[in-house]
């Protein structure tokens, strides 16, 4: 990826609800420079999560294109899209999506296991485990590696989700309302972690939120209204 990590070109997205077509995105265009912490703000139902899912290659636009470092998502094969999701993009969901039967360490290691394939994982599992332990220690969870999600607070689960998103050293971190289910103290901790990832590690971050007080802590704020982005 080059200095312009993501370029979104005139993206449209609609969903059909019975006989009604719901137009969510109506020609969204934006640039995401490398190393930028960018916020997209909008009311509930404005299409913020839809846009982030398109950027994360979890869905496809009806029209328009998303370009990653000069490579069109529309031209990517299924296997290339999967490789991008695992290696280049990290996703932090509002609802964590941790596997309840796995402990914290195992949840964080999942992308490394998937991305490396059987032989890659077999040869690199010790190094991946050390990295996962280091990440969880940096997140203040080093003494709880083998606790399962049901034994954790909401803030702790979100920190595990951030660790899982970082394990493969992605170029871009996409955060979907990362503090939406947290109390103010836990929310502040998560924002501090994201700013640290951005400033210390040079992580490119795109965060969607409805909370302007969070958005104001980022480098650039865009508003999503009526299916279009506005400064």
C-alpha atoms as a PDB file:
ATOM      1  CA  UNK A   1       0.000   0.000   0.000  1.00  0.00           C
ATOM      2  CA  UNK A   2       1.225   3.512  -0.804  1.00  0.00           C
ATOM      3  CA  UNK A   3       0.779   6.821   1.067  1.00  0.00           C
ATOM      4  CA  UNK A   4      -2.878   6.870   0.057  1.00  0.00           C
ATOM      5  CA  UNK A   5      -3.924   3.679   1.807  1.00  0.00           C
ATOM      6  CA  UNK A   6      -7.591   3.651   0.804  1.00  0.00           C
ATOM      7  CA  UNK A   7      -9.437   5.551  -1.909  1.00  0.00           C
ATOM      8  CA  UNK A   8     -13.216   5.220  -2.027  1.00  0.00           C
ATOM      9  CA  UNK A   9     -14.719   6.220  -5.362  1.00  0.00           C
ATOM     10  CA  UNK A  10     -18.412   7.122  -5.678  1.00  0.00           C
ATOM     11  CA  UNK A  11     -19.660   4.131  -3.675  1.00  0.00           C
ATOM     12  CA  UNK A  12     -23.378   3.289  -3.589  1.00  0.00           C
ATOM     13  CA  UNK A  13     -25.038   0.642  -1.448  1.00  0.00           C
ATOM     14  CA  UNK A  14     -28.704  -0.310  -1.069  1.00  0.00           C
ATOM     15  CA  UNK A  15     -30.576  -3.058   0.733  1.00  0.00           C
ATOM     16  CA  UNK A  16     -33.962  -4.492  -0.095  1.00  0.00           C
ATOM     17  CA  UNK A  17     -36.497  -4.765   2.718  1.00  0.00           C
ATOM     18  CA  UNK A  18     -39.479  -6.581   1.268  1.00  0.00           C
ATOM     19  CA  UNK A  19     -40.676  -4.462  -1.627  1.00  0.00           C
ATOM     20  CA  UNK A  20     -38.781  -1.390  -0.435  1.00  0.00           C
ATOM     21  CA  UNK A  21     -35.254  -0.521  -1.531  1.00  0.00           C
ATOM     22  CA  UNK A  22     -33.334   1.250   1.223  1.00  0.00           C
ATOM     23  CA  UNK A  23     -30.585   3.447  -0.241  1.00  0.00           C
ATOM     24  CA  UNK A  24     -27.899   3.672   2.435  1.00  0.00           C
ATOM     25  CA  UNK A  25     -24.859   5.106   0.620  1.00  0.00           C
ATOM     26  CA  UNK A  26     -25.417   7.506  -2.284  1.00  0.00           C
ATOM     27  CA  UNK A  27     -22.077   8.261  -3.850  1.00  0.00           C
ATOM     28  CA  UNK A  28     -19.509   8.233  -1.048  1.00  0.00           C
ATOM     29  CA  UNK A  29     -15.964   9.284  -1.944  1.00  0.00           C
ATOM     30  CA  UNK A  30     -13.026   9.693   0.439  1.00  0.00           C
ATOM     31  CA  UNK A  31      -9.270   9.246   0.852  1.00  0.00           C
ATOM     32  CA  UNK A  32      -7.513   7.682   3.824  1.00  0.00           C
ATOM     33  CA  UNK A  33      -3.836   8.759   4.001  1.00  0.00           C
ATOM     34  CA  UNK A  34      -1.276   6.447   5.599  1.00  0.00           C
ATOM     35  CA  UNK A  35      -0.829   7.082   9.319  1.00  0.00           C
ATOM     36  CA  UNK A  36      -4.060   9.067   9.650  1.00  0.00           C
ATOM     37  CA  UNK A  37      -6.578   8.576  12.473  1.00  0.00           C
ATOM     38  CA  UNK A  38      -9.859   9.425  10.764  1.00  0.00           C
ATOM     39  CA  UNK A  39     -13.356   9.487  12.238  1.00  0.00           C
ATOM     40  CA  UNK A  40     -16.663   9.131  10.421  1.00  0.00           C
ATOM     41  CA  UNK A  41     -19.565  10.538  12.414  1.00  0.00           C
ATOM     42  CA  UNK A  42     -23.256  10.016  11.810  1.00  0.00           C
ATOM     43  CA  UNK A  43     -26.546   9.238  13.502  1.00  0.00           C
ATOM     44  CA  UNK A  44     -27.670   5.677  14.080  1.00  0.00           C
ATOM     45  CA  UNK A  45     -28.797   4.165  10.782  1.00  0.00           C
ATOM     46  CA  UNK A  46     -26.833   6.649   8.669  1.00  0.00           C
ATOM     47  CA  UNK A  47     -24.739   3.918   7.039  1.00  0.00           C
ATOM     48  CA  UNK A  48     -21.513   4.229   9.055  1.00  0.00           C
ATOM     49  CA  UNK A  49     -21.167   0.509   9.687  1.00  0.00           C
ATOM     50  CA  UNK A  50     -22.130  -0.275   6.101  1.00  0.00           C
ATOM     51  CA  UNK A  51     -19.309   1.953   4.854  1.00  0.00           C
ATOM     52  CA  UNK A  52     -16.814   0.382   7.250  1.00  0.00           C
ATOM     53  CA  UNK A  53     -17.842  -3.130   6.198  1.00  0.00           C
ATOM     54  CA  UNK A  54     -17.236  -2.177   2.570  1.00  0.00           C
ATOM     55  CA  UNK A  55     -13.810  -0.801   3.480  1.00  0.00           C
ATOM     56  CA  UNK A  56     -13.071  -4.016   5.362  1.00  0.00           C
ATOM     57  CA  UNK A  57     -14.032  -6.142   2.324  1.00  0.00           C
ATOM     58  CA  UNK A  58     -16.839  -7.733   4.320  1.00  0.00           C
ATOM     59  CA  UNK A  59     -19.364  -6.615   1.681  1.00  0.00           C
ATOM     60  CA  UNK A  60     -19.390  -5.276  -1.880  1.00  0.00           C
ATOM     61  CA  UNK A  61     -20.784  -1.969  -3.153  1.00  0.00           C
ATOM     62  CA  UNK A  62     -23.574  -1.872  -5.730  1.00  0.00           C
ATOM     63  CA  UNK A  63     -21.642   0.764  -7.677  1.00  0.00           C
ATOM     64  CA  UNK A  64     -18.306   2.505  -7.343  1.00  0.00           C
ATOM     65  CA  UNK A  65     -15.015   1.085  -6.168  1.00  0.00           C
ATOM     66  CA  UNK A  66     -12.665   0.861  -3.198  1.00  0.00           C
ATOM     67  CA  UNK A  67      -8.969   1.021  -4.022  1.00  0.00           C
ATOM     68  CA  UNK A  68      -6.240  -0.221  -1.675  1.00  0.00           C
ATOM     69  CA  UNK A  69      -2.831   1.172  -2.538  1.00  0.00           C
ATOM     70  CA  UNK A  70      -3.690   1.275  -6.230  1.00  0.00           C
ATOM     71  CA  UNK A  71      -5.428  -2.123  -6.302  1.00  0.00           C
ATOM     72  CA  UNK A  72      -9.177  -2.150  -7.002  1.00  0.00           C
ATOM     73  CA  UNK A  73     -11.219  -4.279  -4.614  1.00  0.00           C
ATOM     74  CA  UNK A  74     -13.586  -4.983  -7.486  1.00  0.00           C
ATOM     75  CA  UNK A  75     -10.814  -6.751  -9.394  1.00  0.00           C
ATOM     76  CA  UNK A  76      -9.624  -8.867  -6.463  1.00  0.00           C
ATOM     77  CA  UNK A  77     -10.222 -12.591  -6.457  1.00  0.00           C
ATOM     78  CA  UNK A  78     -11.993 -14.228  -3.533  1.00  0.00           C
ATOM     79  CA  UNK A  79      -8.678 -15.534  -2.188  1.00  0.00           C
ATOM     80  CA  UNK A  80      -7.014 -12.109  -2.499  1.00  0.00           C
ATOM     81  CA  UNK A  81      -9.884 -10.454  -0.606  1.00  0.00           C
ATOM     82  CA  UNK A  82      -9.489 -13.049   2.141  1.00  0.00           C
ATOM     83  CA  UNK A  83      -5.743 -12.446   2.278  1.00  0.00           C
ATOM     84  CA  UNK A  84      -6.338  -8.672   2.547  1.00  0.00           C
ATOM     85  CA  UNK A  85      -8.820  -9.146   5.393  1.00  0.00           C
ATOM     86  CA  UNK A  86      -6.409 -11.337   7.310  1.00  0.00           C
ATOM     87  CA  UNK A  87      -3.121  -9.543   6.642  1.00  0.00           C
ATOM     88  CA  UNK A  88      -3.722  -5.893   5.726  1.00  0.00           C
ATOM     89  CA  UNK A  89      -6.911  -5.030   7.594  1.00  0.00           C
ATOM     90  CA  UNK A  90      -7.779  -5.305  11.275  1.00  0.00           C
ATOM     91  CA  UNK A  91     -11.393  -4.977  12.410  1.00  0.00           C
ATOM     92  CA  UNK A  92     -12.618  -3.950  15.876  1.00  0.00           C
ATOM     93  CA  UNK A  93     -16.344  -4.581  16.255  1.00  0.00           C
ATOM     94  CA  UNK A  94     -18.708  -2.885  18.682  1.00  0.00           C
ATOM     95  CA  UNK A  95     -19.905  -6.256  19.985  1.00  0.00           C
ATOM     96  CA  UNK A  96     -16.422  -7.864  20.295  1.00  0.00           C
ATOM     97  CA  UNK A  97     -17.295 -11.171  18.510  1.00  0.00           C
ATOM     98  CA  UNK A  98     -14.934 -13.193  20.690  1.00  0.00           C
ATOM     99  CA  UNK A  99     -15.349 -16.975  20.692  1.00  0.00           C
ATOM    100  CA  UNK A 100     -16.655 -17.868  24.172  1.00  0.00           C
ATOM    101  CA  UNK A 101     -15.052 -21.328  24.267  1.00  0.00           C
ATOM    102  CA  UNK A 102     -11.555 -19.885  23.709  1.00  0.00           C
ATOM    103  CA  UNK A 103      -9.470 -18.009  26.260  1.00  0.00           C
ATOM    104  CA  UNK A 104      -8.022 -14.541  25.636  1.00  0.00           C
ATOM    105  CA  UNK A 105      -4.756 -15.804  24.207  1.00  0.00           C
ATOM    106  CA  UNK A 106      -6.499 -18.200  21.818  1.00  0.00           C
ATOM    107  CA  UNK A 107      -8.901 -15.486  20.628  1.00  0.00           C
ATOM    108  CA  UNK A 108      -6.033 -13.113  19.862  1.00  0.00           C
ATOM    109  CA  UNK A 109      -4.149 -15.851  18.002  1.00  0.00           C
ATOM    110  CA  UNK A 110      -7.048 -16.717  15.666  1.00  0.00           C
ATOM    111  CA  UNK A 111      -6.054 -14.396  12.762  1.00  0.00           C
ATOM    112  CA  UNK A 112      -2.460 -15.674  12.942  1.00  0.00           C
ATOM    113  CA  UNK A 113      -3.685 -19.260  12.703  1.00  0.00           C
ATOM    114  CA  UNK A 114      -5.966 -18.443   9.785  1.00  0.00           C
ATOM    115  CA  UNK A 115      -3.476 -16.262   7.917  1.00  0.00           C
ATOM    116  CA  UNK A 116      -0.535 -18.598   8.192  1.00  0.00           C
ATOM    117  CA  UNK A 117      -2.245 -21.714   6.901  1.00  0.00           C
ATOM    118  CA  UNK A 118      -1.446 -25.126   8.350  1.00  0.00           C
ATOM    119  CA  UNK A 119       2.284 -25.208   7.593  1.00  0.00           C
ATOM    120  CA  UNK A 120       2.823 -21.503   8.275  1.00  0.00           C
ATOM    121  CA  UNK A 121       1.103 -21.798  11.631  1.00  0.00           C
ATOM    122  CA  UNK A 122       3.020 -24.950  12.530  1.00  0.00           C
ATOM    123  CA  UNK A 123       6.390 -23.303  11.872  1.00  0.00           C
ATOM    124  CA  UNK A 124       5.542 -19.885  13.327  1.00  0.00           C
ATOM    125  CA  UNK A 125       3.224 -20.684  16.217  1.00  0.00           C
ATOM    126  CA  UNK A 126       5.792 -20.026  18.958  1.00  0.00           C
ATOM    127  CA  UNK A 127       6.629 -16.589  17.556  1.00  0.00           C
ATOM    128  CA  UNK A 128       2.905 -15.791  17.139  1.00  0.00           C
ATOM    129  CA  UNK A 129       2.231 -16.846  20.709  1.00  0.00           C
ATOM    130  CA  UNK A 130       5.018 -14.585  21.997  1.00  0.00           C
ATOM    131  CA  UNK A 131       3.593 -11.662  20.021  1.00  0.00           C
ATOM    132  CA  UNK A 132       0.069 -12.341  21.340  1.00  0.00           C
ATOM    133  CA  UNK A 133       1.382 -12.459  24.905  1.00  0.00           C
ATOM    134  CA  UNK A 134       3.264  -9.179  24.366  1.00  0.00           C
ATOM    135  CA  UNK A 135       0.170  -7.480  22.920  1.00  0.00           C
ATOM    136  CA  UNK A 136      -2.051  -8.625  25.786  1.00  0.00           C
ATOM    137  CA  UNK A 137       0.575  -7.481  28.277  1.00  0.00           C
ATOM    138  CA  UNK A 138       0.671  -4.043  26.605  1.00  0.00           C
ATOM    139  CA  UNK A 139      -3.122  -3.984  26.852  1.00  0.00           C
ATOM    140  CA  UNK A 140      -2.913  -4.598  30.595  1.00  0.00           C
ATOM    141  CA  UNK A 141      -4.141  -8.188  30.383  1.00  0.00           C
ATOM    142  CA  UNK A 142      -0.898 -10.112  30.692  1.00  0.00           C
ATOM    143  CA  UNK A 143      -1.954 -11.754  33.963  1.00  0.00           C
ATOM    144  CA  UNK A 144      -5.260 -13.060  32.549  1.00  0.00           C
ATOM    145  CA  UNK A 145      -4.173 -14.876  29.399  1.00  0.00           C
ATOM    146  CA  UNK A 146      -6.304 -17.932  30.035  1.00  0.00           C
ATOM    147  CA  UNK A 147      -9.519 -16.237  31.123  1.00  0.00           C
ATOM    148  CA  UNK A 148     -12.456 -16.754  28.777  1.00  0.00           C
ATOM    149  CA  UNK A 149     -14.652 -13.877  27.529  1.00  0.00           C
ATOM    150  CA  UNK A 150     -17.401 -14.697  30.039  1.00  0.00           C
ATOM    151  CA  UNK A 151     -14.961 -13.953  32.858  1.00  0.00           C
ATOM    152  CA  UNK A 152     -14.074 -10.485  31.533  1.00  0.00           C
ATOM    153  CA  UNK A 153     -15.605  -7.025  31.761  1.00  0.00           C
ATOM    154  CA  UNK A 154     -16.784  -5.210  28.644  1.00  0.00           C
ATOM    155  CA  UNK A 155     -13.646  -3.061  28.571  1.00  0.00           C
ATOM    156  CA  UNK A 156     -11.422  -6.122  28.897  1.00  0.00           C
ATOM    157  CA  UNK A 157     -13.248  -7.909  26.086  1.00  0.00           C
ATOM    158  CA  UNK A 158     -12.825  -4.906  23.827  1.00  0.00           C
ATOM    159  CA  UNK A 159      -9.097  -4.816  24.598  1.00  0.00           C
ATOM    160  CA  UNK A 160      -8.886  -8.488  23.625  1.00  0.00           C
ATOM    161  CA  UNK A 161     -10.701  -7.628  20.372  1.00  0.00           C
ATOM    162  CA  UNK A 162      -8.130  -4.892  19.680  1.00  0.00           C
ATOM    163  CA  UNK A 163      -5.329  -7.371  20.356  1.00  0.00           C
ATOM    164  CA  UNK A 164      -6.892  -9.806  17.904  1.00  0.00           C
ATOM    165  CA  UNK A 165      -7.090  -7.037  15.285  1.00  0.00           C
ATOM    166  CA  UNK A 166      -3.390  -6.182  15.772  1.00  0.00           C
ATOM    167  CA  UNK A 167      -1.840  -9.665  15.856  1.00  0.00           C
ATOM    168  CA  UNK A 168      -1.030  -9.772  12.112  1.00  0.00           C
ATOM    169  CA  UNK A 169       0.324  -6.190  12.068  1.00  0.00           C
ATOM    170  CA  UNK A 170      -2.347  -4.830   9.694  1.00  0.00           C
ATOM    171  CA  UNK A 171      -1.730  -1.618   7.789  1.00  0.00           C
ATOM    172  CA  UNK A 172      -5.241  -0.346   8.538  1.00  0.00           C
ATOM    173  CA  UNK A 173      -7.362  -0.704  11.676  1.00  0.00           C
ATOM    174  CA  UNK A 174     -11.126  -0.299  11.195  1.00  0.00           C
ATOM    175  CA  UNK A 175     -13.080   0.387  14.395  1.00  0.00           C
ATOM    176  CA  UNK A 176     -16.881   0.195  14.457  1.00  0.00           C
ATOM    177  CA  UNK A 177     -18.230   2.126  17.486  1.00  0.00           C
ATOM    178  CA  UNK A 178     -15.419   0.632  19.626  1.00  0.00           C
ATOM    179  CA  UNK A 179     -16.627   2.316  22.836  1.00  0.00           C
ATOM    180  CA  UNK A 180     -20.360   2.045  22.171  1.00  0.00           C
ATOM    181  CA  UNK A 181     -21.040  -0.648  24.801  1.00  0.00           C
ATOM    182  CA  UNK A 182     -18.607   0.601  27.443  1.00  0.00           C
ATOM    183  CA  UNK A 183     -18.769   2.863  30.484  1.00  0.00           C
ATOM    184  CA  UNK A 184     -16.911   6.166  30.316  1.00  0.00           C
ATOM    185  CA  UNK A 185     -13.787   4.866  32.091  1.00  0.00           C
ATOM    186  CA  UNK A 186     -13.446   1.817  29.815  1.00  0.00           C
ATOM    187  CA  UNK A 187     -14.247   3.964  26.780  1.00  0.00           C
ATOM    188  CA  UNK A 188     -11.459   6.386  27.627  1.00  0.00           C
ATOM    189  CA  UNK A 189      -9.034   3.477  27.991  1.00  0.00           C
ATOM    190  CA  UNK A 190      -9.969   2.151  24.534  1.00  0.00           C
ATOM    191  CA  UNK A 191      -9.529   5.589  22.934  1.00  0.00           C
ATOM    192  CA  UNK A 192      -6.145   5.953  24.626  1.00  0.00           C
ATOM    193  CA  UNK A 193      -5.144   2.584  23.180  1.00  0.00           C
ATOM    194  CA  UNK A 194      -6.248   3.559  19.674  1.00  0.00           C
ATOM    195  CA  UNK A 195      -4.368   6.860  19.850  1.00  0.00           C
ATOM    196  CA  UNK A 196      -1.298   4.978  21.040  1.00  0.00           C
ATOM    197  CA  UNK A 197      -1.558   2.565  18.098  1.00  0.00           C
ATOM    198  CA  UNK A 198      -1.789   5.540  15.769  1.00  0.00           C
ATOM    199  CA  UNK A 199       0.894   7.828  17.233  1.00  0.00           C
ATOM    200  CA  UNK A 200       3.429   5.293  18.482  1.00  0.00           C
ATOM    201  CA  UNK A 201       3.051   2.536  15.901  1.00  0.00           C
ATOM    202  CA  UNK A 202       1.923   4.570  12.882  1.00  0.00           C
ATOM    203  CA  UNK A 203      -1.293   2.578  12.552  1.00  0.00           C
ATOM    204  CA  UNK A 204      -3.779   3.972  10.035  1.00  0.00           C
ATOM    205  CA  UNK A 205      -7.176   4.005  11.762  1.00  0.00           C
ATOM    206  CA  UNK A 206     -10.701   4.659  10.524  1.00  0.00           C
ATOM    207  CA  UNK A 207     -13.280   4.811  13.305  1.00  0.00           C
ATOM    208  CA  UNK A 208     -17.020   5.261  12.947  1.00  0.00           C
ATOM    209  CA  UNK A 209     -18.920   6.722  15.863  1.00  0.00           C
ATOM    210  CA  UNK A 210     -21.974   8.780  16.779  1.00  0.00           C
ATOM    211  CA  UNK A 211     -20.037  10.436  19.629  1.00  0.00           C
ATOM    212  CA  UNK A 212     -18.531  13.761  18.591  1.00  0.00           C
ATOM    213  CA  UNK A 213     -16.389  13.954  21.746  1.00  0.00           C
ATOM    214  CA  UNK A 214     -14.538  10.848  20.538  1.00  0.00           C
ATOM    215  CA  UNK A 215     -14.302  12.034  16.952  1.00  0.00           C
ATOM    216  CA  UNK A 216     -12.676  15.286  18.063  1.00  0.00           C
ATOM    217  CA  UNK A 217      -9.718  13.280  19.381  1.00  0.00           C
ATOM    218  CA  UNK A 218      -8.813  12.120  15.854  1.00  0.00           C
ATOM    219  CA  UNK A 219      -6.916  13.833  13.030  1.00  0.00           C
ATOM    220  CA  UNK A 220      -9.882  14.346  10.722  1.00  0.00           C
ATOM    221  CA  UNK A 221     -13.664  14.151  11.068  1.00  0.00           C
ATOM    222  CA  UNK A 222     -16.115  13.428   8.255  1.00  0.00           C
ATOM    223  CA  UNK A 223     -19.893  13.487   8.594  1.00  0.00           C
ATOM    224  CA  UNK A 224     -22.112  10.898   6.946  1.00  0.00           C
ATOM    225  CA  UNK A 225     -25.483  12.490   6.145  1.00  0.00           C
ATOM    226  CA  UNK A 226     -28.114  11.477   3.618  1.00  0.00           C
ATOM    227  CA  UNK A 227     -25.830   8.757   2.270  1.00  0.00           C
ATOM    228  CA  UNK A 228     -22.940  11.130   1.519  1.00  0.00           C
ATOM    229  CA  UNK A 229     -19.766  12.207   3.332  1.00  0.00           C
ATOM    230  CA  UNK A 230     -19.225  15.856   4.211  1.00  0.00           C
ATOM    231  CA  UNK A 231     -16.392  17.671   6.021  1.00  0.00           C
END
